[in-house]
Amino acid sequence: MHIFGLTVTEFLAVLSFLAGTIFGLMKYYDLFMDLKRAVKELNKTIASLEQRFDNHEIRLTRLEEQNKTIFKSIGGKRHEEN
């Protein structure tokens, strides 16, 4: 018996090969989509951390300026010269 000019055994071999190839491609496509989602989530997390870092940096700068002002108001000028 012949199917598309191939014997049944050859046809099953070609069909199995194609099915395996398609399954493998779908598996790796799904893997890459998961990686893409993970990278997108990491980028969001990094952006959030950068924003928090900027906010903390601004806050620290303000606190440093407040400390300098308080230090100057209690007579700390002679210590700043050193």
Protein backbone atom coordinates (compact mmCIF):
# COMPACT_ATOMS: atom_id res chain seq x y z
CA MET A 1 0.00 0.00 0.00
CA HIS A 2 1.36 3.41 -0.98
CA ILE A 3 0.46 6.89 0.30
CA PHE A 4 1.84 9.85 -1.68
CA GLY A 5 4.28 7.49 -3.35
CA LEU A 6 5.63 6.26 0.01
CA THR A 7 5.12 3.00 1.77
CA VAL A 8 3.09 3.06 4.96
CA THR A 9 6.25 2.74 7.06
CA GLU A 10 7.98 5.62 5.27
CA PHE A 11 4.83 7.74 5.50
CA LEU A 12 4.58 7.10 9.26
CA ALA A 13 8.28 7.96 9.66
CA VAL A 14 7.84 11.27 7.80
CA LEU A 15 4.65 12.02 9.74
CA SER A 16 6.38 11.30 13.07
CA PHE A 17 9.35 13.48 12.11
CA LEU A 18 7.10 16.40 11.14
CA ALA A 19 4.98 16.02 14.28
CA GLY A 20 8.10 15.94 16.46
CA THR A 21 9.52 19.00 14.73
CA ILE A 22 6.28 20.95 15.13
CA PHE A 23 6.01 19.92 18.80
CA GLY A 24 9.63 20.98 19.43
CA LEU A 25 9.11 24.35 17.76
CA MET A 26 5.96 24.97 19.78
CA LYS A 27 7.75 24.01 23.00
CA TYR A 28 10.66 26.40 22.33
CA TYR A 29 8.29 29.15 21.20
CA ASP A 30 6.45 28.85 24.51
CA LEU A 31 9.77 28.88 26.37
CA PHE A 32 10.84 32.07 24.60
CA MET A 33 7.46 33.67 25.29
CA ASP A 34 7.92 32.85 29.00
CA LEU A 35 11.38 34.41 28.87
CA LYS A 36 9.97 37.48 27.16
CA ARG A 37 7.33 37.83 29.89
CA ALA A 38 9.98 37.38 32.59
CA VAL A 39 12.24 40.02 31.04
CA LYS A 40 9.30 42.42 30.77
CA GLU A 41 8.49 41.87 34.45
CA LEU A 42 12.14 42.37 35.41
CA ASN A 43 12.25 45.63 33.45
CA LYS A 44 9.18 46.85 35.33
CA THR A 45 10.80 45.89 38.64
CA ILE A 46 14.04 47.66 37.72
CA ALA A 47 12.14 50.80 36.73
CA SER A 48 10.29 50.71 40.05
CA LEU A 49 13.53 50.27 41.98
CA GLU A 50 15.16 53.13 40.08
CA GLN A 51 12.22 55.38 40.95
CA ARG A 52 12.46 54.39 44.62
CA PHE A 53 16.22 54.99 44.56
CA ASP A 54 15.69 58.46 43.08
CA ASN A 55 13.11 59.24 45.75
CA HIS A 56 15.48 58.10 48.51
CA GLU A 57 18.33 60.09 47.00
CA ILE A 58 16.20 63.26 47.03
CA ARG A 59 15.19 62.57 50.62
CA LEU A 60 18.80 62.01 51.69
CA THR A 61 19.86 65.25 50.02
CA ARG A 62 17.18 67.14 51.91
CA LEU A 63 18.21 65.53 55.20
CA GLU A 64 21.86 66.42 54.57
CA GLU A 65 20.90 70.03 53.93
CA GLN A 66 18.80 70.08 57.10
CA ASN A 67 21.73 68.66 59.09
CA LYS A 68 24.06 71.33 57.70
CA THR A 69 21.57 74.05 58.59
CA ILE A 70 21.13 72.73 62.14
CA PHE A 71 24.87 72.28 62.57
CA LYS A 72 25.52 75.86 61.42
CA SER A 73 22.79 77.22 63.69
CA ILE A 74 24.35 75.66 66.80
CA GLY A 75 27.80 77.08 66.03
CA GLY A 76 29.49 74.35 64.04
CA LYS A 77 31.36 76.70 61.72
CA ARG A 78 34.77 76.10 63.25
CA HIS A 79 34.45 72.31 62.65
CA GLU A 80 33.65 72.82 58.96
CA GLU A 81 36.99 74.59 58.38
CA ASN A 82 38.92 71.35 59.07
